[in-house]
């Protein structure tokens, strides 16, 4: 039995963030996201899949347009022989007005089953000899550990679980906790395979015999600097013994590529351009990609002012650079003690260095360091640029 799994498309979500995308490029990315759904359906046909598992966040409820939800439904209707199961997540939850609800004005085709219960329910797929169990989040999320107790299901040769949840191991700090679980709790349920959504990086969960028992497909396409790299959907096959074989498939037409260039020691823009080209070459960036470049290190004032004008020779869909992490090549100790320095400038640095020395935490020390460079920029007649935090 073959199936395709994808989630976290976030149709009609806000795009770009720190990438600084103009409106016309955000429109292109929005269409790219829509095409990911279409391409997933095409891939299911090519792969001869009989199931499609979508564990949540197909769209963003706060911003989704009714025509976008209808577009997704229409794409699913193009593969009528594929059983599609959707388990709504925290961003496409079953709150009032959801396109998943019967009175929403969206007609989901007969081959689509949307889990609309807040407790686990099962559907038997007779022609495939399997059951699919899932639930839908009715609001932004739940912190209940529903996998602590056994989930009932029909006795079938293959049993699949579909849900949107937070694996305790490796939870990204910015991620809302929804349906938290441990690997042990999930594996103890005994499902043949679990399709999980919520985390935006692909990851598989293995049992004690190193067999795949669950996986996050990750998001289908990067939408900002926090979703860089290759994004995939999963193609899987389950054999007669219940062994699951996973394949990854990239469907998105472009990637977000993050790169870093250290400018320390560079004395001219030609040197920085050389380092920039090498950094981009190492990432495998393509013309269709979005480039997020971070300049780091120390640079003379005369050079740091030019960093924002440095661009790669290649033509990319979008290029954004950030030089706010570059430290001006000031010798703070010399400025603080130099009698030739202006009284205000020297006293300012001396006072803040003393405060930094007395600070109790690294956060305080970093804040004071930023303040020193903001102050020096202002005293030197330069426009202070917002400094970036990792």
Protein backbone atom coordinates (compact mmCIF):
# COMPACT_ATOMS: atom_id res chain seq x y z
CA UNK A 1 0.00 0.00 0.00
CA UNK A 2 1.32 3.40 -0.98
CA UNK A 3 0.53 6.82 0.42
CA UNK A 4 1.63 10.44 0.22
CA UNK A 5 1.97 12.64 3.30
CA UNK A 6 2.26 16.39 3.53
CA UNK A 7 1.27 19.13 5.97
CA UNK A 8 2.01 22.66 7.17
CA UNK A 9 1.43 24.28 3.79
CA UNK A 10 -0.07 27.36 5.50
CA UNK A 11 -2.03 28.53 2.47
CA UNK A 12 -2.72 32.30 2.53
CA UNK A 13 -0.28 32.80 5.41
CA UNK A 14 1.75 35.97 5.85
CA UNK A 15 4.96 35.61 3.86
CA UNK A 16 8.49 36.89 3.86
CA UNK A 17 9.03 38.28 7.34
CA UNK A 18 12.62 39.50 7.62
CA UNK A 19 13.27 38.74 3.95
CA UNK A 20 11.86 42.13 3.01
CA UNK A 21 9.78 40.86 0.08
CA UNK A 22 7.92 43.40 -2.06
CA UNK A 23 4.22 42.82 -2.64
CA UNK A 24 4.65 41.32 -6.11
CA UNK A 25 7.06 38.67 -4.83
CA UNK A 26 4.79 37.80 -1.92
CA UNK A 27 2.06 37.19 -4.50
CA UNK A 28 4.36 34.79 -6.38
CA UNK A 29 5.11 32.87 -3.17
CA UNK A 30 1.40 32.67 -2.34
CA UNK A 31 0.80 31.06 -5.73
CA UNK A 32 3.77 28.74 -5.17
CA UNK A 33 2.10 27.49 -1.98
CA UNK A 34 -1.12 26.79 -3.87
CA UNK A 35 0.83 24.88 -6.50
CA UNK A 36 2.37 22.70 -3.78
CA UNK A 37 -1.09 21.23 -3.17
CA UNK A 38 -1.58 20.63 -6.88
CA UNK A 39 1.87 19.07 -7.21
CA UNK A 40 1.24 16.80 -4.21
CA UNK A 41 -1.88 15.50 -5.94
CA UNK A 42 0.04 14.99 -9.18
CA UNK A 43 2.76 13.14 -7.26
CA UNK A 44 0.16 10.88 -5.65
CA UNK A 45 -1.04 9.91 -9.12
CA UNK A 46 2.48 9.26 -10.44
CA UNK A 47 3.34 7.26 -7.33
CA UNK A 48 0.08 5.26 -7.65
CA UNK A 49 -0.75 6.12 -4.05
CA UNK A 50 -4.11 5.05 -2.64
CA UNK A 51 -3.94 7.24 0.44
CA UNK A 52 -3.04 10.83 1.19
CA UNK A 53 -2.46 11.88 4.81
CA UNK A 54 -2.60 15.58 5.72
CA UNK A 55 -1.91 16.07 9.46
CA UNK A 56 -2.84 19.71 9.77
CA UNK A 57 -2.11 23.36 8.92
CA UNK A 58 -3.18 23.09 5.30
CA UNK A 59 -4.04 26.79 5.57
CA UNK A 60 -3.96 29.63 8.09
CA UNK A 61 -7.50 30.20 9.35
CA UNK A 62 -6.97 33.87 10.23
CA UNK A 63 -6.04 34.84 6.66
CA UNK A 64 -7.36 32.10 4.36
CA UNK A 65 -9.69 33.17 1.58
CA UNK A 66 -12.69 31.06 0.70
CA UNK A 67 -11.46 30.74 -2.90
CA UNK A 68 -8.16 29.29 -1.67
CA UNK A 69 -9.93 26.63 0.39
CA UNK A 70 -12.08 25.82 -2.63
CA UNK A 71 -8.93 25.55 -4.74
CA UNK A 72 -7.54 22.91 -2.35
CA UNK A 73 -10.81 20.99 -2.46
CA UNK A 74 -10.80 21.10 -6.26
CA UNK A 75 -7.25 19.73 -6.39
CA UNK A 76 -8.23 16.82 -4.13
CA UNK A 77 -11.13 16.07 -6.46
CA UNK A 78 -8.64 15.42 -9.30
CA UNK A 79 -7.52 12.20 -7.58
CA UNK A 80 -10.87 10.54 -6.78
CA UNK A 81 -9.33 7.08 -6.30
CA UNK A 82 -7.10 8.36 -3.47
CA UNK A 83 -8.52 8.31 0.04
CA UNK A 84 -7.55 11.64 1.64
CA UNK A 85 -7.56 12.15 5.40
CA UNK A 86 -7.13 15.60 6.97
CA UNK A 87 -6.51 16.12 10.70
CA UNK A 88 -6.91 19.88 11.37
CA UNK A 89 -4.06 21.48 13.33
CA UNK A 90 -3.59 24.60 15.43
CA UNK A 91 -3.53 27.00 12.45
CA UNK A 92 -6.40 25.40 10.51
CA UNK A 93 -8.40 24.37 13.57
CA UNK A 94 -12.12 23.70 13.57
CA UNK A 95 -13.05 27.05 15.07
CA UNK A 96 -16.32 28.74 13.97
CA UNK A 97 -16.14 29.73 10.32
CA UNK A 98 -13.54 27.11 9.42
CA UNK A 99 -13.58 26.07 5.74
CA UNK A 100 -13.61 22.48 7.04
CA UNK A 101 -17.10 22.83 8.52
CA UNK A 102 -20.17 21.72 6.50
CA UNK A 103 -21.73 25.20 6.40
CA UNK A 104 -18.54 26.97 5.25
CA UNK A 105 -19.41 27.13 1.57
CA UNK A 106 -16.52 24.82 0.63
CA UNK A 107 -17.60 21.53 -0.95
CA UNK A 108 -15.00 18.91 -0.08
CA UNK A 109 -15.08 15.94 -2.49
CA UNK A 110 -16.27 12.49 -1.43
CA UNK A 111 -12.73 11.09 -1.28
CA UNK A 112 -11.80 13.54 1.50
CA UNK A 113 -12.43 12.72 5.15
CA UNK A 114 -11.90 15.54 7.65
CA UNK A 115 -11.56 14.52 11.28
CA UNK A 116 -13.95 16.87 13.06
CA UNK A 117 -13.98 15.25 16.49
CA UNK A 118 -11.80 16.45 19.38
CA UNK A 119 -11.31 12.80 20.38
CA UNK A 120 -9.75 10.10 18.24
CA UNK A 121 -12.06 8.40 15.76
CA UNK A 122 -11.34 5.69 13.19
CA UNK A 123 -12.34 5.10 9.59
CA UNK A 124 -12.06 1.66 7.97
CA UNK A 125 -10.83 1.67 4.38
CA UNK A 126 -12.10 -1.73 3.26
CA UNK A 127 -10.50 -1.79 -0.18
CA UNK A 128 -7.05 -1.21 1.36
CA UNK A 129 -7.46 -3.39 4.43
CA UNK A 130 -6.53 -0.59 6.80
CA UNK A 131 -7.92 1.80 9.36
CA UNK A 132 -7.10 5.49 9.69
CA UNK A 133 -7.46 7.10 13.11
CA UNK A 134 -7.28 10.81 13.77
CA UNK A 135 -8.77 13.86 15.43
CA UNK A 136 -9.15 17.56 14.71
CA UNK A 137 -8.11 20.44 16.93
CA UNK A 138 -11.16 22.58 17.65
CA UNK A 139 -9.17 25.67 18.68
CA UNK A 140 -5.57 26.84 18.49
CA UNK A 141 -4.30 23.83 20.42
CA UNK A 142 -4.50 21.55 23.41
CA UNK A 143 -1.83 20.65 25.95
CA UNK A 144 -3.56 17.37 26.88
CA UNK A 145 -1.40 14.27 26.54
CA UNK A 146 -3.97 12.18 24.70
CA UNK A 147 -1.39 9.55 23.76
CA UNK A 148 -0.84 8.60 27.40
CA UNK A 149 -3.87 6.28 27.24
CA UNK A 150 -4.47 3.66 24.60
CA UNK A 151 -6.33 4.85 21.50
CA UNK A 152 -9.03 2.36 20.50
CA UNK A 153 -9.28 1.34 16.86
CA UNK A 154 -10.62 -1.50 14.71
CA UNK A 155 -8.55 -4.64 14.29
CA UNK A 156 -7.10 -4.30 10.81
CA UNK A 157 -3.89 -5.55 9.15
CA UNK A 158 -2.64 -1.95 8.84
CA UNK A 159 -3.52 0.83 11.25
CA UNK A 160 -2.59 4.46 10.58
CA UNK A 161 -2.68 7.44 12.93
CA UNK A 162 -2.96 11.06 11.72
CA UNK A 163 -2.64 14.04 14.07
CA UNK A 164 -1.05 17.44 14.64
CA UNK A 165 1.20 17.32 17.69
CA UNK A 166 4.33 18.31 19.56
CA UNK A 167 7.02 15.69 19.97
CA UNK A 168 8.78 16.33 23.27
CA UNK A 169 12.17 15.67 21.73
CA UNK A 170 13.52 18.65 19.81
CA UNK A 171 10.52 20.97 20.10
CA UNK A 172 11.43 24.31 18.43
CA UNK A 173 11.25 27.06 21.09
CA UNK A 174 8.87 29.20 19.04
CA UNK A 175 6.38 26.38 18.52
CA UNK A 176 3.08 26.29 20.39
CA UNK A 177 2.63 23.08 22.38
CA UNK A 178 -0.24 21.09 20.92
CA UNK A 179 -1.07 17.48 21.73
CA UNK A 180 2.36 16.81 23.30
CA UNK A 181 3.75 13.28 23.30
CA UNK A 182 6.92 11.30 23.87
CA UNK A 183 8.32 8.76 21.44
CA UNK A 184 7.61 6.05 23.99
CA UNK A 185 3.95 7.06 24.28
CA UNK A 186 3.52 7.08 20.53
CA UNK A 187 5.27 3.76 19.94
CA UNK A 188 3.31 2.10 22.75
CA UNK A 189 0.10 2.76 20.80
CA UNK A 190 1.17 0.10 18.31
CA UNK A 191 0.03 1.78 15.11
CA UNK A 192 1.67 0.61 11.92
CA UNK A 193 2.52 4.23 11.14
CA UNK A 194 1.69 7.73 12.41
CA UNK A 195 1.64 10.81 10.16
CA UNK A 196 2.34 13.89 12.26
CA UNK A 197 2.17 17.59 11.50
CA UNK A 198 3.27 20.78 13.30
CA UNK A 199 7.07 20.78 13.10
CA UNK A 200 8.45 22.23 9.87
CA UNK A 201 11.47 19.96 9.50
CA UNK A 202 11.25 16.41 8.23
CA UNK A 203 11.98 13.84 10.95
CA UNK A 204 11.26 10.13 11.32
CA UNK A 205 10.55 8.27 14.58
CA UNK A 206 12.00 4.76 14.78
CA UNK A 207 11.13 1.85 17.03
CA UNK A 208 13.60 -0.33 18.95
CA UNK A 209 14.32 -2.30 15.79
CA UNK A 210 15.12 0.90 13.87
CA UNK A 211 11.96 0.59 11.80
CA UNK A 212 10.05 3.72 10.82
CA UNK A 213 6.87 4.05 12.85
CA UNK A 214 6.07 7.75 12.45
CA UNK A 215 7.26 10.89 10.71
CA UNK A 216 6.87 14.60 10.28
CA UNK A 217 7.02 15.56 6.62
CA UNK A 218 7.80 19.15 7.59
CA UNK A 219 6.43 22.14 5.72
CA UNK A 220 6.08 21.92 1.94
CA UNK A 221 7.92 25.18 1.15
CA UNK A 222 10.00 27.72 3.03
CA UNK A 223 8.19 31.02 3.63
CA UNK A 224 10.79 32.93 5.66
CA UNK A 225 14.28 32.91 7.15
CA UNK A 226 13.20 30.35 9.78
CA UNK A 227 12.28 27.81 7.08
CA UNK A 228 15.43 27.64 5.01
CA UNK A 229 16.70 24.66 3.04
CA UNK A 230 15.01 21.82 1.17
CA UNK A 231 11.37 21.15 2.08
CA UNK A 232 9.64 17.92 1.16
CA UNK A 233 6.54 15.78 1.04
CA UNK A 234 6.75 12.09 1.90
CA UNK A 235 6.01 9.11 -0.30
CA UNK A 236 5.69 5.83 1.56
CA UNK A 237 5.01 2.17 0.99
CA UNK A 238 3.85 -0.38 3.59
CA UNK A 239 4.54 -4.03 2.82
CA UNK A 240 2.64 -7.11 3.99
CA UNK A 241 4.74 -7.31 7.16
CA UNK A 242 3.97 -3.71 8.14
CA UNK A 243 7.41 -2.36 7.24
CA UNK A 244 7.28 1.29 6.18
CA UNK A 245 9.63 2.65 3.53
CA UNK A 246 9.80 6.44 3.29
CA UNK A 247 10.98 8.59 0.40
CA UNK A 248 11.29 12.37 0.37
CA UNK A 249 10.19 14.43 -2.61
CA UNK A 250 10.78 18.15 -3.09
CA UNK A 251 7.82 19.83 -4.77
CA UNK A 252 8.36 23.51 -4.07
CA UNK A 253 9.72 25.55 -6.99
CA UNK A 254 12.06 27.58 -4.78
CA UNK A 255 13.92 27.43 -1.48
CA UNK A 256 14.91 29.92 1.17
CA UNK A 257 18.71 29.80 1.38
CA UNK A 258 20.52 31.17 4.42
CA UNK A 259 24.20 32.07 4.15
CA UNK A 260 26.74 33.84 6.34
CA UNK A 261 29.77 35.90 5.31
CA UNK A 262 32.41 36.91 7.86
CA UNK A 263 33.92 40.26 6.82
CA UNK A 264 36.67 40.25 9.45
CA UNK A 265 40.01 41.19 7.91
CA UNK A 266 38.52 42.34 4.60
CA UNK A 267 39.95 45.68 3.49
CA UNK A 268 37.88 46.22 0.35
CA UNK A 269 34.56 45.28 -1.25
CA UNK A 270 36.29 43.00 -3.77
CA UNK A 271 37.37 40.70 -0.94
CA UNK A 272 33.86 40.65 0.50
CA UNK A 273 32.36 39.94 -2.93
CA UNK A 274 34.73 36.98 -3.27
CA UNK A 275 33.66 35.61 0.11
CA UNK A 276 30.01 36.19 -0.77
CA UNK A 277 30.22 34.22 -4.01
CA UNK A 278 31.99 31.32 -2.26
CA UNK A 279 29.36 31.26 0.50
CA UNK A 280 26.50 31.13 -1.99
CA UNK A 281 28.24 28.49 -4.12
CA UNK A 282 28.53 26.23 -1.07
CA UNK A 283 24.75 26.36 -0.51
CA UNK A 284 23.81 25.18 -4.00
CA UNK A 285 21.55 28.21 -4.43
CA UNK A 286 19.57 28.34 -7.67
CA UNK A 287 18.17 31.24 -9.70
CA UNK A 288 14.68 30.51 -8.38
CA UNK A 289 15.68 30.73 -4.71
CA UNK A 290 15.35 33.39 -2.04
CA UNK A 291 18.70 34.33 -0.49
CA UNK A 292 18.99 35.49 3.11
CA UNK A 293 22.54 36.68 3.73
CA UNK A 294 23.99 37.65 7.09
CA UNK A 295 27.24 39.62 7.26
CA UNK A 296 29.15 39.03 10.49
CA UNK A 297 32.51 39.89 12.04
CA UNK A 298 34.39 43.18 12.33
CA UNK A 299 34.85 45.80 9.64
CA UNK A 300 36.33 49.31 9.39
CA UNK A 301 33.71 52.04 9.47
CA UNK A 302 34.48 53.04 5.89
CA UNK A 303 33.76 49.48 4.73
CA UNK A 304 30.80 48.61 6.95
CA UNK A 305 28.87 51.53 5.42
CA UNK A 306 29.18 49.84 2.01
CA UNK A 307 27.94 46.37 2.98
CA UNK A 308 24.30 47.10 2.16
CA UNK A 309 25.27 47.84 -1.46
CA UNK A 310 27.05 44.51 -2.03
CA UNK A 311 25.00 42.06 -4.11
CA UNK A 312 25.85 38.71 -5.76
CA UNK A 313 26.60 38.44 -9.45
CA UNK A 314 23.94 35.74 -9.90
CA UNK A 315 20.28 36.53 -10.58
CA UNK A 316 18.09 35.19 -7.78
CA UNK A 317 14.35 35.42 -7.22
CA UNK A 318 15.10 37.53 -4.16
CA UNK A 319 18.22 38.68 -2.33
CA UNK A 320 18.22 40.18 1.13
CA UNK A 321 21.29 41.05 3.19
CA UNK A 322 21.64 42.05 6.83
CA UNK A 323 24.79 43.74 8.09
CA UNK A 324 23.45 44.59 11.53
CA UNK A 325 25.59 41.90 13.17
CA UNK A 326 28.83 43.42 11.89
CA UNK A 327 30.77 45.06 14.69
CA UNK A 328 32.48 48.36 13.80
CA UNK A 329 36.22 48.02 14.12
CA UNK A 330 36.40 50.17 17.23
CA UNK A 331 39.01 49.51 19.92
CA UNK A 332 36.74 50.25 22.86
CA UNK A 333 39.52 50.16 25.45
CA UNK A 334 41.54 52.70 23.48
CA UNK A 335 38.55 55.01 23.07
CA UNK A 336 37.74 54.77 26.77
CA UNK A 337 41.26 55.72 27.82
CA UNK A 338 42.45 57.89 24.94
CA UNK A 339 42.94 61.46 26.11
CA UNK A 340 42.78 62.57 22.48
CA UNK A 341 39.24 61.28 22.13
CA UNK A 342 36.42 63.73 22.66
CA UNK A 343 35.48 64.01 26.30
CA UNK A 344 31.90 62.91 25.69
CA UNK A 345 32.90 59.99 23.43
CA UNK A 346 35.56 58.69 25.82
CA UNK A 347 33.39 59.10 28.91
CA UNK A 348 30.43 57.39 27.20
CA UNK A 349 32.45 54.29 26.31
CA UNK A 350 34.19 54.21 29.68
CA UNK A 351 30.88 54.35 31.57
CA UNK A 352 29.20 51.63 29.52
CA UNK A 353 32.20 49.33 29.66
CA UNK A 354 32.06 49.60 33.44
CA UNK A 355 28.36 48.76 33.40
CA UNK A 356 29.01 45.78 31.11
CA UNK A 357 31.69 44.52 33.46
CA UNK A 358 29.23 44.69 36.37
CA UNK A 359 26.31 43.09 34.50
CA UNK A 360 25.02 39.83 35.94
CA UNK A 361 23.76 38.06 32.82
CA UNK A 362 24.87 37.55 29.23
CA UNK A 363 21.65 39.21 28.02
CA UNK A 364 22.51 42.35 29.99
CA UNK A 365 26.07 42.32 28.67
CA UNK A 366 24.80 41.97 25.08
CA UNK A 367 22.31 44.79 25.52
CA UNK A 368 25.05 47.09 26.83
CA UNK A 369 27.35 46.10 23.96
CA UNK A 370 24.64 47.03 21.46
CA UNK A 371 24.15 50.34 23.29
CA UNK A 372 27.87 51.14 22.98
CA UNK A 373 27.81 50.70 19.21
CA UNK A 374 24.52 52.59 18.82
CA UNK A 375 25.98 55.45 20.83
CA UNK A 376 29.26 55.55 18.93
CA UNK A 377 27.42 55.55 15.61
CA UNK A 378 25.36 58.52 16.75
CA UNK A 379 28.38 60.38 18.15
CA UNK A 380 30.26 59.79 14.88
CA UNK A 381 27.36 61.19 12.86
CA UNK A 382 26.32 57.82 11.44
CA UNK A 383 22.75 56.50 11.34
CA UNK A 384 22.41 53.68 13.92
CA UNK A 385 21.15 50.50 12.25
CA UNK A 386 19.00 48.01 14.21
CA UNK A 387 21.21 45.21 15.41
CA UNK A 388 20.10 41.63 14.72
CA UNK A 389 19.76 38.94 17.39
CA UNK A 390 20.10 35.22 16.60
